[in-house]
C-alpha atoms as a PDB file:
ATOM      1  CA  UNK A   1      29.065 -43.909 -22.186  1.00  0.00           C
ATOM      2  CA  UNK A   2      30.447 -40.756 -20.591  1.00  0.00           C
ATOM      3  CA  UNK A   3      27.848 -37.932 -20.698  1.00  0.00           C
ATOM      4  CA  UNK A   4      30.509 -35.222 -20.850  1.00  0.00           C
ATOM      5  CA  UNK A   5      29.742 -31.756 -22.099  1.00  0.00           C
ATOM      6  CA  UNK A   6      31.679 -30.023 -24.822  1.00  0.00           C
ATOM      7  CA  UNK A   7      33.029 -26.478 -24.898  1.00  0.00           C
ATOM      8  CA  UNK A   8      32.553 -23.961 -27.723  1.00  0.00           C
ATOM      9  CA  UNK A   9      35.331 -25.563 -29.812  1.00  0.00           C
ATOM     10  CA  UNK A  10      33.724 -29.014 -29.578  1.00  0.00           C
ATOM     11  CA  UNK A  11      36.235 -30.550 -27.151  1.00  0.00           C
ATOM     12  CA  UNK A  12      34.608 -32.806 -24.591  1.00  0.00           C
ATOM     13  CA  UNK A  13      35.147 -31.707 -21.038  1.00  0.00           C
ATOM     14  CA  UNK A  14      35.171 -34.584 -18.568  1.00  0.00           C
ATOM     15  CA  UNK A  15      34.944 -32.519 -15.398  1.00  0.00           C
ATOM     16  CA  UNK A  16      31.328 -31.402 -16.049  1.00  0.00           C
ATOM     17  CA  UNK A  17      28.510 -33.919 -16.196  1.00  0.00           C
ATOM     18  CA  UNK A  18      24.926 -33.376 -17.278  1.00  0.00           C
ATOM     19  CA  UNK A  19      22.297 -33.629 -14.538  1.00  0.00           C
ATOM     20  CA  UNK A  20      18.755 -34.671 -15.396  1.00  0.00           C
ATOM     21  CA  UNK A  21      15.897 -34.389 -12.925  1.00  0.00           C
ATOM     22  CA  UNK A  22      12.152 -33.919 -12.759  1.00  0.00           C
ATOM     23  CA  UNK A  23      10.610 -31.323 -10.509  1.00  0.00           C
ATOM     24  CA  UNK A  24       6.969 -30.901  -9.722  1.00  0.00           C
ATOM     25  CA  UNK A  25       5.798 -27.508  -8.564  1.00  0.00           C
ATOM     26  CA  UNK A  26       2.630 -25.548  -8.696  1.00  0.00           C
ATOM     27  CA  UNK A  27       1.560 -21.987  -8.355  1.00  0.00           C
ATOM     28  CA  UNK A  28       0.805 -21.118  -4.719  1.00  0.00           C
ATOM     29  CA  UNK A  29      -2.857 -20.877  -3.810  1.00  0.00           C
ATOM     30  CA  UNK A  30      -4.203 -17.327  -3.934  1.00  0.00           C
ATOM     31  CA  UNK A  31      -4.439 -15.533  -0.621  1.00  0.00           C
ATOM     32  CA  UNK A  32      -8.037 -14.803   0.337  1.00  0.00           C
ATOM     33  CA  UNK A  33      -9.205 -12.149   2.753  1.00  0.00           C
ATOM     34  CA  UNK A  34     -12.667 -11.661   4.227  1.00  0.00           C
ATOM     35  CA  UNK A  35     -13.796  -8.053   4.347  1.00  0.00           C
ATOM     36  CA  UNK A  36     -16.886  -6.520   5.956  1.00  0.00           C
ATOM     37  CA  UNK A  37     -19.165  -4.167   4.002  1.00  0.00           C
ATOM     38  CA  UNK A  38     -22.609  -2.600   4.022  1.00  0.00           C
ATOM     39  CA  UNK A  39     -24.931  -2.130   1.062  1.00  0.00           C
ATOM     40  CA  UNK A  40     -25.740   1.500   1.787  1.00  0.00           C
ATOM     41  CA  UNK A  41     -27.322   1.987  -1.626  1.00  0.00           C
ATOM     42  CA  UNK A  42     -30.130  -0.433  -0.705  1.00  0.00           C
ATOM     43  CA  UNK A  43     -31.336   1.634   2.265  1.00  0.00           C
ATOM     44  CA  UNK A  44     -34.931   2.778   1.895  1.00  0.00           C
ATOM     45  CA  UNK A  45     -34.547   6.499   2.668  1.00  0.00           C
ATOM     46  CA  UNK A  46     -38.170   7.014   3.760  1.00  0.00           C
ATOM     47  CA  UNK A  47     -38.032   4.062   6.162  1.00  0.00           C
ATOM     48  CA  UNK A  48     -34.673   5.193   7.552  1.00  0.00           C
ATOM     49  CA  UNK A  49     -35.996   8.733   8.018  1.00  0.00           C
ATOM     50  CA  UNK A  50     -39.113   7.542   9.883  1.00  0.00           C
ATOM     51  CA  UNK A  51     -37.032   5.240  12.109  1.00  0.00           C
ATOM     52  CA  UNK A  52     -34.666   8.121  12.860  1.00  0.00           C
ATOM     53  CA  UNK A  53     -37.566  10.384  13.823  1.00  0.00           C
ATOM     54  CA  UNK A  54     -39.036   7.659  16.071  1.00  0.00           C
ATOM     55  CA  UNK A  55     -35.714   6.969  17.805  1.00  0.00           C
ATOM     56  CA  UNK A  56     -34.287   8.590  20.939  1.00  0.00           C
ATOM     57  CA  UNK A  57     -32.040  10.807  18.798  1.00  0.00           C
ATOM     58  CA  UNK A  58     -34.573  13.620  18.677  1.00  0.00           C
ATOM     59  CA  UNK A  59     -35.833  13.141  22.227  1.00  0.00           C
ATOM     60  CA  UNK A  60     -36.024  16.587  23.826  1.00  0.00           C
ATOM     61  CA  UNK A  61     -35.933  15.048  27.283  1.00  0.00           C
ATOM     62  CA  UNK A  62     -32.498  13.531  26.598  1.00  0.00           C
ATOM     63  CA  UNK A  63     -31.174  16.889  25.389  1.00  0.00           C
ATOM     64  CA  UNK A  64     -32.657  18.763  28.388  1.00  0.00           C
ATOM     65  CA  UNK A  65     -31.383  16.402  31.097  1.00  0.00           C
ATOM     66  CA  UNK A  66     -27.933  15.629  29.744  1.00  0.00           C
ATOM     67  CA  UNK A  67     -25.253  18.326  29.816  1.00  0.00           C
ATOM     68  CA  UNK A  68     -22.240  16.106  29.166  1.00  0.00           C
ATOM     69  CA  UNK A  69     -21.304  16.215  25.477  1.00  0.00           C
ATOM     70  CA  UNK A  70     -19.499  12.865  25.624  1.00  0.00           C
ATOM     71  CA  UNK A  71     -22.628  11.106  26.891  1.00  0.00           C
ATOM     72  CA  UNK A  72     -24.698  12.683  24.114  1.00  0.00           C
ATOM     73  CA  UNK A  73     -22.153  11.666  21.461  1.00  0.00           C
ATOM     74  CA  UNK A  74     -22.146   8.079  22.785  1.00  0.00           C
ATOM     75  CA  UNK A  75     -25.964   8.006  22.778  1.00  0.00           C
ATOM     76  CA  UNK A  76     -26.116   9.316  19.194  1.00  0.00           C
ATOM     77  CA  UNK A  77     -23.396   6.929  18.047  1.00  0.00           C
ATOM     78  CA  UNK A  78     -25.045   3.838  19.504  1.00  0.00           C
ATOM     79  CA  UNK A  79     -28.518   4.804  18.250  1.00  0.00           C
ATOM     80  CA  UNK A  80     -27.268   5.550  14.730  1.00  0.00           C
ATOM     81  CA  UNK A  81     -25.290   2.307  14.727  1.00  0.00           C
ATOM     82  CA  UNK A  82     -28.429   0.327  15.623  1.00  0.00           C
ATOM     83  CA  UNK A  83     -30.378   2.094  12.848  1.00  0.00           C
ATOM     84  CA  UNK A  84     -27.614   1.429  10.355  1.00  0.00           C
ATOM     85  CA  UNK A  85     -27.445  -2.222  11.408  1.00  0.00           C
ATOM     86  CA  UNK A  86     -31.217  -2.550  10.907  1.00  0.00           C
ATOM     87  CA  UNK A  87     -31.294  -0.919   7.455  1.00  0.00           C
ATOM     88  CA  UNK A  88     -27.903  -2.019   6.072  1.00  0.00           C
ATOM     89  CA  UNK A  89     -26.599  -4.975   8.074  1.00  0.00           C
ATOM     90  CA  UNK A  90     -22.909  -5.706   8.045  1.00  0.00           C
ATOM     91  CA  UNK A  91     -22.048  -8.434   5.539  1.00  0.00           C
ATOM     92  CA  UNK A  92     -18.796 -10.105   4.587  1.00  0.00           C
ATOM     93  CA  UNK A  93     -17.292 -11.188   1.321  1.00  0.00           C
ATOM     94  CA  UNK A  94     -14.140 -13.024   0.408  1.00  0.00           C
ATOM     95  CA  UNK A  95     -11.676 -11.345  -1.941  1.00  0.00           C
ATOM     96  CA  UNK A  96      -8.441 -12.546  -3.517  1.00  0.00           C
ATOM     97  CA  UNK A  97      -5.385 -10.463  -2.708  1.00  0.00           C
ATOM     98  CA  UNK A  98      -3.272  -9.942  -5.797  1.00  0.00           C
ATOM     99  CA  UNK A  99       0.281  -8.712  -6.149  1.00  0.00           C
ATOM    100  CA  UNK A 100       0.655  -5.108  -7.143  1.00  0.00           C
ATOM    101  CA  UNK A 101       1.507  -4.490 -10.768  1.00  0.00           C
ATOM    102  CA  UNK A 102       4.122  -1.749 -10.956  1.00  0.00           C
ATOM    103  CA  UNK A 103       2.665  -0.453 -14.220  1.00  0.00           C
ATOM    104  CA  UNK A 104      -0.989  -0.401 -13.053  1.00  0.00           C
ATOM    105  CA  UNK A 105      -2.051   3.253 -12.739  1.00  0.00           C
ATOM    106  CA  UNK A 106      -5.026   5.153 -11.355  1.00  0.00           C
ATOM    107  CA  UNK A 107      -6.028   5.914 -14.947  1.00  0.00           C
ATOM    108  CA  UNK A 108      -6.267   2.174 -15.667  1.00  0.00           C
ATOM    109  CA  UNK A 109      -8.262   1.625 -12.499  1.00  0.00           C
ATOM    110  CA  UNK A 110     -10.756   4.347 -13.471  1.00  0.00           C
ATOM    111  CA  UNK A 111     -11.052   3.012 -17.032  1.00  0.00           C
ATOM    112  CA  UNK A 112     -11.742  -0.526 -15.777  1.00  0.00           C
ATOM    113  CA  UNK A 113     -14.247   0.812 -13.241  1.00  0.00           C
ATOM    114  CA  UNK A 114     -16.069   2.651 -16.041  1.00  0.00           C
ATOM    115  CA  UNK A 115     -16.011  -0.543 -18.140  1.00  0.00           C
ATOM    116  CA  UNK A 116     -17.635  -2.571 -15.346  1.00  0.00           C
ATOM    117  CA  UNK A 117     -20.264   0.142 -14.870  1.00  0.00           C
ATOM    118  CA  UNK A 118     -21.070   0.157 -18.594  1.00  0.00           C
ATOM    119  CA  UNK A 119     -21.297  -3.640 -18.560  1.00  0.00           C
ATOM    120  CA  UNK A 120     -23.785  -3.547 -15.681  1.00  0.00           C
ATOM    121  CA  UNK A 121     -25.852  -0.920 -17.556  1.00  0.00           C
ATOM    122  CA  UNK A 122     -25.848  -3.045 -20.715  1.00  0.00           C
ATOM    123  CA  UNK A 123     -26.800  -6.263 -18.895  1.00  0.00           C
ATOM    124  CA  UNK A 124     -29.604  -4.419 -17.138  1.00  0.00           C
ATOM    125  CA  UNK A 125     -31.033  -2.604 -20.184  1.00  0.00           C
ATOM    126  CA  UNK A 126     -30.134  -5.094 -22.976  1.00  0.00           C
ATOM    127  CA  UNK A 127     -29.937  -2.106 -25.362  1.00  0.00           C
ATOM    128  CA  UNK A 128     -27.630  -2.163 -28.402  1.00  0.00           C
ATOM    129  CA  UNK A 129     -26.297   1.312 -27.633  1.00  0.00           C
ATOM    130  CA  UNK A 130     -25.290   0.234 -24.110  1.00  0.00           C
ATOM    131  CA  UNK A 131     -23.573  -2.823 -25.572  1.00  0.00           C
ATOM    132  CA  UNK A 132     -21.731  -0.635 -28.077  1.00  0.00           C
ATOM    133  CA  UNK A 133     -20.579   1.754 -25.313  1.00  0.00           C
ATOM    134  CA  UNK A 134     -19.408  -1.211 -23.257  1.00  0.00           C
ATOM    135  CA  UNK A 135     -17.458  -2.747 -26.184  1.00  0.00           C
ATOM    136  CA  UNK A 136     -15.825   0.616 -26.960  1.00  0.00           C
ATOM    137  CA  UNK A 137     -14.718   0.909 -23.334  1.00  0.00           C
ATOM    138  CA  UNK A 138     -13.368  -2.668 -23.466  1.00  0.00           C
ATOM    139  CA  UNK A 139     -11.258  -1.667 -26.441  1.00  0.00           C
ATOM    140  CA  UNK A 140     -10.058   1.487 -24.664  1.00  0.00           C
ATOM    141  CA  UNK A 141      -9.114  -0.452 -21.528  1.00  0.00           C
ATOM    142  CA  UNK A 142      -7.208  -3.089 -23.517  1.00  0.00           C
ATOM    143  CA  UNK A 143      -5.314  -0.363 -25.380  1.00  0.00           C
ATOM    144  CA  UNK A 144      -4.463   1.451 -22.125  1.00  0.00           C
ATOM    145  CA  UNK A 145      -3.291  -1.792 -20.493  1.00  0.00           C
ATOM    146  CA  UNK A 146      -1.032  -2.624 -23.433  1.00  0.00           C
ATOM    147  CA  UNK A 147       0.412   0.901 -23.560  1.00  0.00           C
ATOM    148  CA  UNK A 148       1.051   0.984 -19.803  1.00  0.00           C
ATOM    149  CA  UNK A 149       2.859  -2.381 -19.868  1.00  0.00           C
ATOM    150  CA  UNK A 150       4.922  -1.437 -22.913  1.00  0.00           C
ATOM    151  CA  UNK A 151       5.880   1.957 -21.483  1.00  0.00           C
ATOM    152  CA  UNK A 152       6.816   0.538 -18.088  1.00  0.00           C
ATOM    153  CA  UNK A 153       8.964  -2.287 -19.442  1.00  0.00           C
ATOM    154  CA  UNK A 154      10.529  -0.145 -22.169  1.00  0.00           C
ATOM    155  CA  UNK A 155      11.590   2.417 -19.568  1.00  0.00           C
ATOM    156  CA  UNK A 156      12.829  -0.318 -17.243  1.00  0.00           C
ATOM    157  CA  UNK A 157      14.912  -1.946 -19.985  1.00  0.00           C
ATOM    158  CA  UNK A 158      16.245   1.446 -21.092  1.00  0.00           C
ATOM    159  CA  UNK A 159      17.304   2.330 -17.539  1.00  0.00           C
ATOM    160  CA  UNK A 160      18.874  -1.111 -16.927  1.00  0.00           C
ATOM    161  CA  UNK A 161      20.260  -1.386 -20.475  1.00  0.00           C
ATOM    162  CA  UNK A 162      23.893  -1.798 -19.465  1.00  0.00           C
ATOM    163  CA  UNK A 163      23.161  -4.360 -16.735  1.00  0.00           C
ATOM    164  CA  UNK A 164      22.614  -7.603 -18.656  1.00  0.00           C
ATOM    165  CA  UNK A 165      21.574  -9.495 -15.524  1.00  0.00           C
ATOM    166  CA  UNK A 166      18.698  -7.047 -14.875  1.00  0.00           C
ATOM    167  CA  UNK A 167      17.619  -7.077 -18.515  1.00  0.00           C
ATOM    168  CA  UNK A 168      17.628 -10.891 -18.479  1.00  0.00           C
ATOM    169  CA  UNK A 169      15.439 -10.938 -15.337  1.00  0.00           C
ATOM    170  CA  UNK A 170      12.982  -8.505 -16.936  1.00  0.00           C
ATOM    171  CA  UNK A 171      12.716 -10.456 -20.180  1.00  0.00           C
ATOM    172  CA  UNK A 172      12.443 -13.760 -18.306  1.00  0.00           C
ATOM    173  CA  UNK A 173       9.620 -12.273 -16.214  1.00  0.00           C
ATOM    174  CA  UNK A 174       7.884 -11.053 -19.382  1.00  0.00           C
ATOM    175  CA  UNK A 175       8.282 -14.476 -21.005  1.00  0.00           C
ATOM    176  CA  UNK A 176       6.793 -16.258 -17.975  1.00  0.00           C
ATOM    177  CA  UNK A 177       3.866 -13.820 -17.819  1.00  0.00           C
ATOM    178  CA  UNK A 178       3.239 -14.305 -21.530  1.00  0.00           C
ATOM    179  CA  UNK A 179       3.143 -18.094 -21.094  1.00  0.00           C
ATOM    180  CA  UNK A 180       0.697 -17.864 -18.165  1.00  0.00           C
ATOM    181  CA  UNK A 181      -1.769 -15.623 -20.004  1.00  0.00           C
END
């Protein structure tokens, strides 16, 4: 049997043949990055203050004998670094680098940050009012995300409205994102 394709009028065209194949592909692994950080909020202020007072930073002899500002700055820098390392050691964590969303705004970032803060408060206190505030912020964030996506893609389609190829790419991208979520 000849697997010929037909044109719009139903006539079989023998110069085009159907091609069937199977392709296996997967989403690429996320890119991870290790970043250094310090937990400055965990520093015991009283302990840090007493260690600072006991250090060479406030040594009058150092100030009296040294007249070179660069040497003093280096001494202060190294001493403060050692104190910081003692009270808030450098740690690392692994993060996943994500592609930038063109519609993701600073307003969305702030709203999500507030949502995470409210969630932490609720999990810590276990109070109904904190849970209610958290759920309200979840709703606000979801609404803002939906509006931002809709506005971005509506504007993009409106600006590319005459270019069918661009509109097709946009809608195909939206369709693929919808399937993956």
